[in-house]
């Protein structure tokens, strides 16, 4: 990788990094950035700096960003917990099926 693979984003306003991270994962944001990129999603999209630097985005107040970031972090943690629980149930089901088919249960 070369240093040209990185773009440093700066905001004139105070921006919550967690909010910013979630913002860049939304379909609306991704579509906005696709217009300033080359390549494909199958490969690796490359943002073109001169045009990318012209993108304007509006942000809520820092306090509102913080509330949104906290909520989204809470939801992400819940999803992760549910996925772990689901995997535990799948593992338990697999164990039970093995026990049934080997006549141990």
PDB file of N, CA and C in Angstrom:
ATOM      1  N   UNK A   1       0.824  -1.176   0.000  1.00  0.00           N
ATOM      2  CA  UNK A   1       0.000   0.000   0.000  1.00  0.00           C
ATOM      3  C   UNK A   1       0.872   1.245   0.000  1.00  0.00           C
ATOM      4  N   UNK A   2       0.454   2.213  -0.737  1.00  0.00           N
ATOM      5  CA  UNK A   2       1.193   3.458  -0.744  1.00  0.00           C
ATOM      6  C   UNK A   2       0.452   4.505   0.069  1.00  0.00           C
ATOM      7  N   UNK A   3       1.101   5.609   0.348  1.00  0.00           N
ATOM      8  CA  UNK A   3       0.452   6.659   1.122  1.00  0.00           C
ATOM      9  C   UNK A   3      -0.713   7.269   0.358  1.00  0.00           C
ATOM     10  N   UNK A   4      -0.784   7.053  -0.954  1.00  0.00           N
ATOM     11  CA  UNK A   4      -1.898   7.563  -1.750  1.00  0.00           C
ATOM     12  C   UNK A   4      -3.190   6.795  -1.456  1.00  0.00           C
ATOM     13  N   UNK A   5      -3.102   5.705  -0.716  1.00  0.00           N
ATOM     14  CA  UNK A   5      -4.280   4.910  -0.382  1.00  0.00           C
ATOM     15  C   UNK A   5      -5.063   5.501   0.779  1.00  0.00           C
ATOM     16  N   UNK A   6      -4.603   6.581   1.360  1.00  0.00           N
ATOM     17  CA  UNK A   6      -5.242   7.150   2.539  1.00  0.00           C
ATOM     18  C   UNK A   6      -5.638   8.597   2.303  1.00  0.00           C
ATOM     19  N   UNK A   7      -6.795   8.939   2.824  1.00  0.00           N
ATOM     20  CA  UNK A   7      -7.254  10.322   2.800  1.00  0.00           C
ATOM     21  C   UNK A   7      -7.576  10.709   4.234  1.00  0.00           C
ATOM     22  N   UNK A   8      -7.088  11.839   4.669  1.00  0.00           N
ATOM     23  CA  UNK A   8      -7.396  12.334   6.004  1.00  0.00           C
ATOM     24  C   UNK A   8      -8.577  13.273   5.877  1.00  0.00           C
ATOM     25  N   UNK A   9      -9.634  12.976   6.635  1.00  0.00           N
ATOM     26  CA  UNK A   9     -10.827  13.812   6.598  1.00  0.00           C
ATOM     27  C   UNK A   9     -10.811  14.756   7.782  1.00  0.00           C
ATOM     28  N   UNK A  10     -11.101  15.990   7.510  1.00  0.00           N
ATOM     29  CA  UNK A  10     -11.158  16.984   8.575  1.00  0.00           C
ATOM     30  C   UNK A  10     -12.474  17.734   8.449  1.00  0.00           C
ATOM     31  N   UNK A  11     -12.978  18.136   9.580  1.00  0.00           N
ATOM     32  CA  UNK A  11     -14.209  18.900   9.594  1.00  0.00           C
ATOM     33  C   UNK A  11     -13.950  20.243  10.249  1.00  0.00           C
ATOM     34  N   UNK A  12     -14.646  21.240   9.766  1.00  0.00           N
ATOM     35  CA  UNK A  12     -14.522  22.561  10.381  1.00  0.00           C
ATOM     36  C   UNK A  12     -15.256  22.588  11.722  1.00  0.00           C
ATOM     37  N   UNK A  13     -16.176  21.672  11.901  1.00  0.00           N
ATOM     38  CA  UNK A  13     -16.948  21.573  13.144  1.00  0.00           C
ATOM     39  C   UNK A  13     -16.455  20.397  13.968  1.00  0.00           C
ATOM     40  N   UNK A  14     -16.876  20.352  15.207  1.00  0.00           N
ATOM     41  CA  UNK A  14     -16.532  19.241  16.086  1.00  0.00           C
ATOM     42  C   UNK A  14     -17.393  18.035  15.709  1.00  0.00           C
ATOM     43  N   UNK A  15     -16.762  16.909  15.372  1.00  0.00           N
ATOM     44  CA  UNK A  15     -17.492  15.731  14.929  1.00  0.00           C
ATOM     45  C   UNK A  15     -17.143  14.548  15.831  1.00  0.00           C
ATOM     46  N   UNK A  16     -18.166  13.840  16.282  1.00  0.00           N
ATOM     47  CA  UNK A  16     -17.982  12.645  17.099  1.00  0.00           C
ATOM     48  C   UNK A  16     -17.480  11.515  16.194  1.00  0.00           C
ATOM     49  N   UNK A  17     -16.323  10.909  16.506  1.00  0.00           N
ATOM     50  CA  UNK A  17     -15.752   9.891  15.609  1.00  0.00           C
ATOM     51  C   UNK A  17     -16.636   8.658  15.451  1.00  0.00           C
ATOM     52  N   UNK A  18     -17.368   8.266  16.489  1.00  0.00           N
ATOM     53  CA  UNK A  18     -18.249   7.092  16.375  1.00  0.00           C
ATOM     54  C   UNK A  18     -19.417   7.421  15.453  1.00  0.00           C
ATOM     55  N   UNK A  19     -19.978   8.605  15.613  1.00  0.00           N
ATOM     56  CA  UNK A  19     -21.047   9.061  14.722  1.00  0.00           C
ATOM     57  C   UNK A  19     -20.540   9.082  13.286  1.00  0.00           C
ATOM     58  N   UNK A  20     -19.355   9.630  13.100  1.00  0.00           N
ATOM     59  CA  UNK A  20     -18.739   9.745  11.779  1.00  0.00           C
ATOM     60  C   UNK A  20     -18.555   8.362  11.152  1.00  0.00           C
ATOM     61  N   UNK A  21     -18.107   7.413  11.938  1.00  0.00           N
ATOM     62  CA  UNK A  21     -17.907   6.044  11.461  1.00  0.00           C
ATOM     63  C   UNK A  21     -19.222   5.431  10.997  1.00  0.00           C
ATOM     64  N   UNK A  22     -20.258   5.579  11.813  1.00  0.00           N
ATOM     65  CA  UNK A  22     -21.567   5.042  11.430  1.00  0.00           C
ATOM     66  C   UNK A  22     -22.116   5.757  10.193  1.00  0.00           C
ATOM     67  N   UNK A  23     -21.889   7.049  10.122  1.00  0.00           N
ATOM     68  CA  UNK A  23     -22.367   7.829   8.979  1.00  0.00           C
ATOM     69  C   UNK A  23     -21.787   7.284   7.676  1.00  0.00           C
ATOM     70  N   UNK A  24     -20.518   6.929   7.696  1.00  0.00           N
ATOM     71  CA  UNK A  24     -19.861   6.445   6.483  1.00  0.00           C
ATOM     72  C   UNK A  24     -20.253   5.020   6.121  1.00  0.00           C
ATOM     73  N   UNK A  25     -21.057   4.384   6.942  1.00  0.00           N
ATOM     74  CA  UNK A  25     -21.527   3.045   6.626  1.00  0.00           C
ATOM     75  C   UNK A  25     -22.947   3.046   6.066  1.00  0.00           C
ATOM     76  N   UNK A  26     -23.570   4.218   5.985  1.00  0.00           N
ATOM     77  CA  UNK A  26     -24.938   4.286   5.474  1.00  0.00           C
ATOM     78  C   UNK A  26     -24.932   4.240   3.951  1.00  0.00           C
ATOM     79  N   UNK A  27     -26.001   3.701   3.407  1.00  0.00           N
ATOM     80  CA  UNK A  27     -26.109   3.576   1.954  1.00  0.00           C
ATOM     81  C   UNK A  27     -26.116   4.955   1.291  1.00  0.00           C
ATOM     82  N   UNK A  28     -26.768   5.921   1.923  1.00  0.00           N
ATOM     83  CA  UNK A  28     -26.827   7.267   1.353  1.00  0.00           C
ATOM     84  C   UNK A  28     -25.426   7.872   1.225  1.00  0.00           C
ATOM     85  N   UNK A  29     -24.612   7.719   2.267  1.00  0.00           N
ATOM     86  CA  UNK A  29     -23.243   8.243   2.219  1.00  0.00           C
ATOM     87  C   UNK A  29     -22.411   7.495   1.186  1.00  0.00           C
ATOM     88  N   UNK A  30     -22.540   6.174   1.179  1.00  0.00           N
ATOM     89  CA  UNK A  30     -21.763   5.379   0.221  1.00  0.00           C
ATOM     90  C   UNK A  30     -22.112   5.763  -1.210  1.00  0.00           C
ATOM     91  N   UNK A  31     -23.407   5.976  -1.477  1.00  0.00           N
ATOM     92  CA  UNK A  31     -23.817   6.382  -2.825  1.00  0.00           C
ATOM     93  C   UNK A  31     -23.247   7.743  -3.188  1.00  0.00           C
ATOM     94  N   UNK A  32     -23.201   8.640  -2.207  1.00  0.00           N
ATOM     95  CA  UNK A  32     -22.640   9.971  -2.454  1.00  0.00           C
ATOM     96  C   UNK A  32     -21.165   9.864  -2.840  1.00  0.00           C
ATOM     97  N   UNK A  33     -20.432   8.981  -2.170  1.00  0.00           N
ATOM     98  CA  UNK A  33     -19.003   8.843  -2.430  1.00  0.00           C
ATOM     99  C   UNK A  33     -18.707   8.054  -3.695  1.00  0.00           C
ATOM    100  N   UNK A  34     -19.646   7.207  -4.127  1.00  0.00           N
ATOM    101  CA  UNK A  34     -19.435   6.454  -5.363  1.00  0.00           C
ATOM    102  C   UNK A  34     -19.269   7.391  -6.554  1.00  0.00           C
ATOM    103  N   UNK A  35     -19.945   8.521  -6.496  1.00  0.00           N
ATOM    104  CA  UNK A  35     -19.837   9.494  -7.589  1.00  0.00           C
ATOM    105  C   UNK A  35     -18.437  10.078  -7.702  1.00  0.00           C
ATOM    106  N   UNK A  36     -17.651   9.973  -6.643  1.00  0.00           N
ATOM    107  CA  UNK A  36     -16.302  10.551  -6.610  1.00  0.00           C
ATOM    108  C   UNK A  36     -15.231   9.460  -6.573  1.00  0.00           C
ATOM    109  N   UNK A  37     -15.569   8.303  -7.102  1.00  0.00           N
ATOM    110  CA  UNK A  37     -14.622   7.195  -7.026  1.00  0.00           C
ATOM    111  C   UNK A  37     -14.484   6.519  -8.374  1.00  0.00           C
ATOM    112  N   UNK A  38     -13.478   5.672  -8.456  1.00  0.00           N
ATOM    113  CA  UNK A  38     -13.318   4.833  -9.620  1.00  0.00           C
ATOM    114  C   UNK A  38     -13.017   3.425  -9.143  1.00  0.00           C
ATOM    115  N   UNK A  39     -13.270   2.459  -9.984  1.00  0.00           N
ATOM    116  CA  UNK A  39     -13.149   1.065  -9.584  1.00  0.00           C
ATOM    117  C   UNK A  39     -14.541   0.510  -9.355  1.00  0.00           C
ATOM    118  N   UNK A  40     -14.615  -0.677  -8.776  1.00  0.00           N
ATOM    119  CA  UNK A  40     -15.916  -1.268  -8.500  1.00  0.00           C
ATOM    120  C   UNK A  40     -15.934  -1.780  -7.067  1.00  0.00           C
ATOM    121  N   UNK A  41     -17.142  -2.051  -6.590  1.00  0.00           N
ATOM    122  CA  UNK A  41     -17.266  -2.578  -5.234  1.00  0.00           C
ATOM    123  C   UNK A  41     -16.615  -3.947  -5.108  1.00  0.00           C
ATOM    124  N   UNK A  42     -16.587  -4.703  -6.220  1.00  0.00           N
ATOM    125  CA  UNK A  42     -15.966  -6.020  -6.182  1.00  0.00           C
ATOM    126  C   UNK A  42     -14.465  -5.890  -5.989  1.00  0.00           C
ATOM    127  N   UNK A  43     -13.904  -4.851  -6.571  1.00  0.00           N
ATOM    128  CA  UNK A  43     -12.477  -4.602  -6.390  1.00  0.00           C
ATOM    129  C   UNK A  43     -12.335  -3.755  -5.138  1.00  0.00           C
ATOM    130  N   UNK A  44     -11.849  -2.573  -5.365  1.00  0.00           N
ATOM    131  CA  UNK A  44     -11.645  -1.642  -4.271  1.00  0.00           C
ATOM    132  C   UNK A  44     -11.927  -0.245  -4.810  1.00  0.00           C
ATOM    133  N   UNK A  45     -12.920   0.402  -4.236  1.00  0.00           N
ATOM    134  CA  UNK A  45     -13.222   1.754  -4.706  1.00  0.00           C
ATOM    135  C   UNK A  45     -12.097   2.692  -4.309  1.00  0.00           C
ATOM    136  N   UNK A  46     -11.703   3.539  -5.224  1.00  0.00           N
ATOM    137  CA  UNK A  46     -10.680   4.545  -4.934  1.00  0.00           C
ATOM    138  C   UNK A  46     -11.327   5.912  -5.063  1.00  0.00           C
ATOM    139  N   UNK A  47     -11.300   6.650  -3.988  1.00  0.00           N
ATOM    140  CA  UNK A  47     -11.844   7.998  -4.005  1.00  0.00           C
ATOM    141  C   UNK A  47     -10.852   8.918  -4.685  1.00  0.00           C
ATOM    142  N   UNK A  48     -11.353   9.786  -5.511  1.00  0.00           N
ATOM    143  CA  UNK A  48     -10.508  10.725  -6.224  1.00  0.00           C
ATOM    144  C   UNK A  48     -10.474  12.026  -5.427  1.00  0.00           C
ATOM    145  N   UNK A  49      -9.312  12.398  -4.938  1.00  0.00           N
ATOM    146  CA  UNK A  49      -9.189  13.512  -3.992  1.00  0.00           C
ATOM    147  C   UNK A  49      -9.741  14.846  -4.476  1.00  0.00           C
ATOM    148  N   UNK A  50      -9.367  15.334  -5.656  1.00  0.00           N
ATOM    149  CA  UNK A  50      -9.835  16.692  -6.005  1.00  0.00           C
ATOM    150  C   UNK A  50     -11.357  16.837  -5.928  1.00  0.00           C
ATOM    151  N   UNK A  51     -12.088  15.865  -6.465  1.00  0.00           N
ATOM    152  CA  UNK A  51     -13.542  15.942  -6.433  1.00  0.00           C
ATOM    153  C   UNK A  51     -14.074  15.643  -5.032  1.00  0.00           C
ATOM    154  N   UNK A  52     -13.453  14.708  -4.351  1.00  0.00           N
ATOM    155  CA  UNK A  52     -13.890  14.293  -3.018  1.00  0.00           C
ATOM    156  C   UNK A  52     -13.826  15.458  -2.042  1.00  0.00           C
ATOM    157  N   UNK A  53     -12.846  16.320  -2.200  1.00  0.00           N
ATOM    158  CA  UNK A  53     -12.686  17.436  -1.276  1.00  0.00           C
ATOM    159  C   UNK A  53     -13.818  18.454  -1.411  1.00  0.00           C
ATOM    160  N   UNK A  54     -14.604  18.369  -2.484  1.00  0.00           N
ATOM    161  CA  UNK A  54     -15.712  19.294  -2.693  1.00  0.00           C
ATOM    162  C   UNK A  54     -17.025  18.828  -2.060  1.00  0.00           C
ATOM    163  N   UNK A  55     -17.070  17.627  -1.522  1.00  0.00           N
ATOM    164  CA  UNK A  55     -18.307  17.100  -0.945  1.00  0.00           C
ATOM    165  C   UNK A  55     -18.664  17.901   0.303  1.00  0.00           C
ATOM    166  N   UNK A  56     -19.899  18.323   0.363  1.00  0.00           N
ATOM    167  CA  UNK A  56     -20.395  19.056   1.535  1.00  0.00           C
ATOM    168  C   UNK A  56     -21.372  18.148   2.281  1.00  0.00           C
ATOM    169  N   UNK A  57     -21.221  18.101   3.583  1.00  0.00           N
ATOM    170  CA  UNK A  57     -22.122  17.296   4.403  1.00  0.00           C
ATOM    171  C   UNK A  57     -22.564  18.116   5.610  1.00  0.00           C
ATOM    172  N   UNK A  58     -23.832  17.965   5.960  1.00  0.00           N
ATOM    173  CA  UNK A  58     -24.352  18.655   7.137  1.00  0.00           C
ATOM    174  C   UNK A  58     -24.359  17.673   8.307  1.00  0.00           C
ATOM    175  N   UNK A  59     -23.987  18.156   9.480  1.00  0.00           N
ATOM    176  CA  UNK A  59     -23.960  17.331  10.679  1.00  0.00           C
ATOM    177  C   UNK A  59     -24.837  17.954  11.754  1.00  0.00           C
ATOM    178  N   UNK A  60     -25.478  17.114  12.557  1.00  0.00           N
ATOM    179  CA  UNK A  60     -26.215  17.665  13.703  1.00  0.00           C
ATOM    180  C   UNK A  60     -25.221  18.200  14.739  1.00  0.00           C
ATOM    181  N   UNK A  61     -25.729  18.816  15.771  1.00  0.00           N
ATOM    182  CA  UNK A  61     -24.859  19.332  16.831  1.00  0.00           C
ATOM    183  C   UNK A  61     -24.065  18.184  17.450  1.00  0.00           C
ATOM    184  N   UNK A  62     -22.966  18.528  18.108  1.00  0.00           N
ATOM    185  CA  UNK A  62     -22.120  17.497  18.713  1.00  0.00           C
ATOM    186  C   UNK A  62     -22.902  16.680  19.737  1.00  0.00           C
ATOM    187  N   UNK A  63     -23.737  17.344  20.518  1.00  0.00           N
ATOM    188  CA  UNK A  63     -24.536  16.640  21.535  1.00  0.00           C
ATOM    189  C   UNK A  63     -25.472  15.623  20.872  1.00  0.00           C
ATOM    190  N   UNK A  64     -26.082  16.014  19.755  1.00  0.00           N
ATOM    191  CA  UNK A  64     -26.966  15.107  19.032  1.00  0.00           C
ATOM    192  C   UNK A  64     -26.169  13.951  18.421  1.00  0.00           C
ATOM    193  N   UNK A  65     -24.990  14.241  17.900  1.00  0.00           N
ATOM    194  CA  UNK A  65     -24.120  13.192  17.361  1.00  0.00           C
ATOM    195  C   UNK A  65     -23.784  12.177  18.451  1.00  0.00           C
ATOM    196  N   UNK A  66     -23.503  12.684  19.636  1.00  0.00           N
ATOM    197  CA  UNK A  66     -23.155  11.819  20.760  1.00  0.00           C
ATOM    198  C   UNK A  66     -24.322  10.893  21.108  1.00  0.00           C
ATOM    199  N   UNK A  67     -25.527  11.428  21.141  1.00  0.00           N
ATOM    200  CA  UNK A  67     -26.719  10.613  21.430  1.00  0.00           C
ATOM    201  C   UNK A  67     -26.912   9.542  20.363  1.00  0.00           C
ATOM    202  N   UNK A  68     -26.770   9.937  19.106  1.00  0.00           N
ATOM    203  CA  UNK A  68     -26.920   8.988  17.998  1.00  0.00           C
ATOM    204  C   UNK A  68     -25.837   7.910  18.074  1.00  0.00           C
ATOM    205  N   UNK A  69     -24.592   8.317  18.315  1.00  0.00           N
ATOM    206  CA  UNK A  69     -23.481   7.365  18.403  1.00  0.00           C
ATOM    207  C   UNK A  69     -23.703   6.386  19.548  1.00  0.00           C
ATOM    208  N   UNK A  70     -24.164   6.881  20.695  1.00  0.00           N
ATOM    209  CA  UNK A  70     -24.427   6.000  21.842  1.00  0.00           C
ATOM    210  C   UNK A  70     -25.531   5.002  21.529  1.00  0.00           C
ATOM    211  N   UNK A  71     -26.589   5.465  20.882  1.00  0.00           N
ATOM    212  CA  UNK A  71     -27.685   4.573  20.517  1.00  0.00           C
ATOM    213  C   UNK A  71     -27.216   3.505  19.539  1.00  0.00           C
ATOM    214  N   UNK A  72     -26.485   3.920  18.506  1.00  0.00           N
ATOM    215  CA  UNK A  72     -26.019   2.959  17.507  1.00  0.00           C
ATOM    216  C   UNK A  72     -25.016   1.973  18.095  1.00  0.00           C
ATOM    217  N   UNK A  73     -24.184   2.430  19.015  1.00  0.00           N
ATOM    218  CA  UNK A  73     -23.247   1.531  19.686  1.00  0.00           C
ATOM    219  C   UNK A  73     -24.007   0.513  20.527  1.00  0.00           C
ATOM    220  N   UNK A  74     -25.038   0.975  21.227  1.00  0.00           N
ATOM    221  CA  UNK A  74     -25.879   0.074  22.026  1.00  0.00           C
ATOM    222  C   UNK A  74     -26.527  -0.984  21.135  1.00  0.00           C
ATOM    223  N   UNK A  75     -27.070  -0.548  19.998  1.00  0.00           N
ATOM    224  CA  UNK A  75     -27.714  -1.479  19.062  1.00  0.00           C
ATOM    225  C   UNK A  75     -26.692  -2.463  18.500  1.00  0.00           C
ATOM    226  N   UNK A  76     -25.508  -1.982  18.123  1.00  0.00           N
ATOM    227  CA  UNK A  76     -24.451  -2.870  17.629  1.00  0.00           C
ATOM    228  C   UNK A  76     -24.077  -3.926  18.665  1.00  0.00           C
ATOM    229  N   UNK A  77     -23.959  -3.505  19.914  1.00  0.00           N
ATOM    230  CA  UNK A  77     -23.620  -4.446  20.990  1.00  0.00           C
ATOM    231  C   UNK A  77     -24.723  -5.483  21.181  1.00  0.00           C
ATOM    232  N   UNK A  78     -25.982  -5.047  21.099  1.00  0.00           N
ATOM    233  CA  UNK A  78     -27.113  -5.976  21.228  1.00  0.00           C
ATOM    234  C   UNK A  78     -27.099  -6.991  20.092  1.00  0.00           C
ATOM    235  N   UNK A  79     -26.863  -6.515  18.874  1.00  0.00           N
ATOM    236  CA  UNK A  79     -26.812  -7.406  17.715  1.00  0.00           C
ATOM    237  C   UNK A  79     -25.706  -8.438  17.894  1.00  0.00           C
ATOM    238  N   UNK A  80     -24.549  -7.991  18.343  1.00  0.00           N
ATOM    239  CA  UNK A  80     -23.420  -8.896  18.564  1.00  0.00           C
ATOM    240  C   UNK A  80     -23.773  -9.948  19.617  1.00  0.00           C
ATOM    241  N   UNK A  81     -24.425  -9.531  20.679  1.00  0.00           N
ATOM    242  CA  UNK A  81     -24.837 -10.451  21.739  1.00  0.00           C
ATOM    243  C   UNK A  81     -25.832 -11.482  21.215  1.00  0.00           C
ATOM    244  N   UNK A  82     -26.795 -11.032  20.420  1.00  0.00           N
ATOM    245  CA  UNK A  82     -27.799 -11.941  19.842  1.00  0.00           C
ATOM    246  C   UNK A  82     -27.139 -12.916  18.881  1.00  0.00           C
ATOM    247  N   UNK A  83     -26.191 -12.439  18.085  1.00  0.00           N
ATOM    248  CA  UNK A  83     -25.488 -13.327  17.155  1.00  0.00           C
ATOM    249  C   UNK A  83     -24.689 -14.390  17.899  1.00  0.00           C
ATOM    250  N   UNK A  84     -24.050 -14.004  19.016  1.00  0.00           N
ATOM    251  CA  UNK A  84     -23.308 -14.983  19.824  1.00  0.00           C
ATOM    252  C   UNK A  84     -24.255 -16.015  20.422  1.00  0.00           C
ATOM    253  N   UNK A  85     -25.393 -15.540  20.916  1.00  0.00           N
ATOM    254  CA  UNK A  85     -26.386 -16.443  21.503  1.00  0.00           C
ATOM    255  C   UNK A  85     -26.909 -17.405  20.442  1.00  0.00           C
ATOM    256  N   UNK A  86     -27.172 -16.888  19.256  1.00  0.00           N
ATOM    257  CA  UNK A  86     -27.651 -17.706  18.147  1.00  0.00           C
ATOM    258  C   UNK A  86     -26.621 -18.786  17.801  1.00  0.00           C
ATOM    259  N   UNK A  87     -25.340 -18.398  17.736  1.00  0.00           N
ATOM    260  CA  UNK A  87     -24.286 -19.357  17.434  1.00  0.00           C
ATOM    261  C   UNK A  87     -24.199 -20.433  18.512  1.00  0.00           C
ATOM    262  N   UNK A  88     -24.407 -20.038  19.771  1.00  0.00           N
ATOM    263  CA  UNK A  88     -24.408 -21.011  20.871  1.00  0.00           C
ATOM    264  C   UNK A  88     -25.532 -22.019  20.674  1.00  0.00           C
ATOM    265  N   UNK A  89     -26.719 -21.555  20.289  1.00  0.00           N
ATOM    266  CA  UNK A  89     -27.836 -22.460  20.032  1.00  0.00           C
ATOM    267  C   UNK A  89     -27.542 -23.385  18.858  1.00  0.00           C
ATOM    268  N   UNK A  90     -26.907 -22.864  17.814  1.00  0.00           N
ATOM    269  CA  UNK A  90     -26.554 -23.714  16.670  1.00  0.00           C
ATOM    270  C   UNK A  90     -25.550 -24.788  17.080  1.00  0.00           C
ATOM    271  N   UNK A  91     -24.576 -24.398  17.896  1.00  0.00           N
ATOM    272  CA  UNK A  91     -23.591 -25.361  18.378  1.00  0.00           C
ATOM    273  C   UNK A  91     -24.251 -26.428  19.244  1.00  0.00           C
ATOM    274  N   UNK A  92     -25.193 -26.007  20.076  1.00  0.00           N
ATOM    275  CA  UNK A  92     -25.904 -26.955  20.941  1.00  0.00           C
ATOM    276  C   UNK A  92     -26.757 -27.898  20.104  1.00  0.00           C
ATOM    277  N   UNK A  93     -27.415 -27.378  19.077  1.00  0.00           N
ATOM    278  CA  UNK A  93     -28.210 -28.213  18.176  1.00  0.00           C
ATOM    279  C   UNK A  93     -27.319 -29.247  17.496  1.00  0.00           C
ATOM    280  N   UNK A  94     -26.160 -28.813  17.023  1.00  0.00           N
ATOM    281  CA  UNK A  94     -25.220 -29.722  16.366  1.00  0.00           C
ATOM    282  C   UNK A  94     -24.800 -30.831  17.332  1.00  0.00           C
ATOM    283  N   UNK A  95     -24.503 -30.438  18.560  1.00  0.00           N
ATOM    284  CA  UNK A  95     -24.122 -31.411  19.588  1.00  0.00           C
ATOM    285  C   UNK A  95     -25.249 -32.423  19.806  1.00  0.00           C
ATOM    286  N   UNK A  96     -26.483 -31.935  19.939  1.00  0.00           N
ATOM    287  CA  UNK A  96     -27.621 -32.839  20.166  1.00  0.00           C
ATOM    288  C   UNK A  96     -27.825 -33.779  18.992  1.00  0.00           C
ATOM    289  N   UNK A  97     -27.688 -33.275  17.789  1.00  0.00           N
ATOM    290  CA  UNK A  97     -27.851 -34.120  16.601  1.00  0.00           C
ATOM    291  C   UNK A  97     -26.790 -35.225  16.573  1.00  0.00           C
ATOM    292  N   UNK A  98     -25.564 -34.883  16.943  1.00  0.00           N
ATOM    293  CA  UNK A  98     -24.504 -35.891  16.994  1.00  0.00           C
ATOM    294  C   UNK A  98     -24.820 -36.952  18.047  1.00  0.00           C
ATOM    295  N   UNK A  99     -25.332 -36.507  19.173  1.00  0.00           N
ATOM    296  CA  UNK A  99     -25.671 -37.444  20.244  1.00  0.00           C
ATOM    297  C   UNK A  99     -26.810 -38.372  19.828  1.00  0.00           C
ATOM    298  N   UNK A 100     -27.781 -37.822  19.105  1.00  0.00           N
ATOM    299  CA  UNK A 100     -28.928 -38.632  18.660  1.00  0.00           C
ATOM    300  C   UNK A 100     -28.475 -39.667  17.652  1.00  0.00           C
ATOM    301  N   UNK A 101     -27.666 -39.265  16.679  1.00  0.00           N
ATOM    302  CA  UNK A 101     -27.258 -40.186  15.628  1.00  0.00           C
ATOM    303  C   UNK A 101     -26.225 -41.205  16.080  1.00  0.00           C
ATOM    304  N   UNK A 102     -25.565 -40.983  17.189  1.00  0.00           N
ATOM    305  CA  UNK A 102     -24.639 -41.974  17.719  1.00  0.00           C
ATOM    306  C   UNK A 102     -25.287 -42.769  18.851  1.00  0.00           C
ATOM    307  N   UNK A 103     -26.597 -42.605  19.005  1.00  0.00           N
ATOM    308  CA  UNK A 103     -27.378 -43.309  20.038  1.00  0.00           C
ATOM    309  C   UNK A 103     -26.876 -43.072  21.445  1.00  0.00           C
ATOM    310  N   UNK A 104     -26.308 -41.929  21.689  1.00  0.00           N
ATOM    311  CA  UNK A 104     -25.847 -41.597  23.036  1.00  0.00           C
ATOM    312  C   UNK A 104     -26.909 -40.809  23.801  1.00  0.00           C
ATOM    313  N   UNK A 105     -27.981 -40.440  23.106  1.00  0.00           N
ATOM    314  CA  UNK A 105     -29.019 -39.655  23.744  1.00  0.00           C
ATOM    315  C   UNK A 105     -30.337 -40.356  23.594  1.00  0.00           C
TER     316      UNK A 105
END
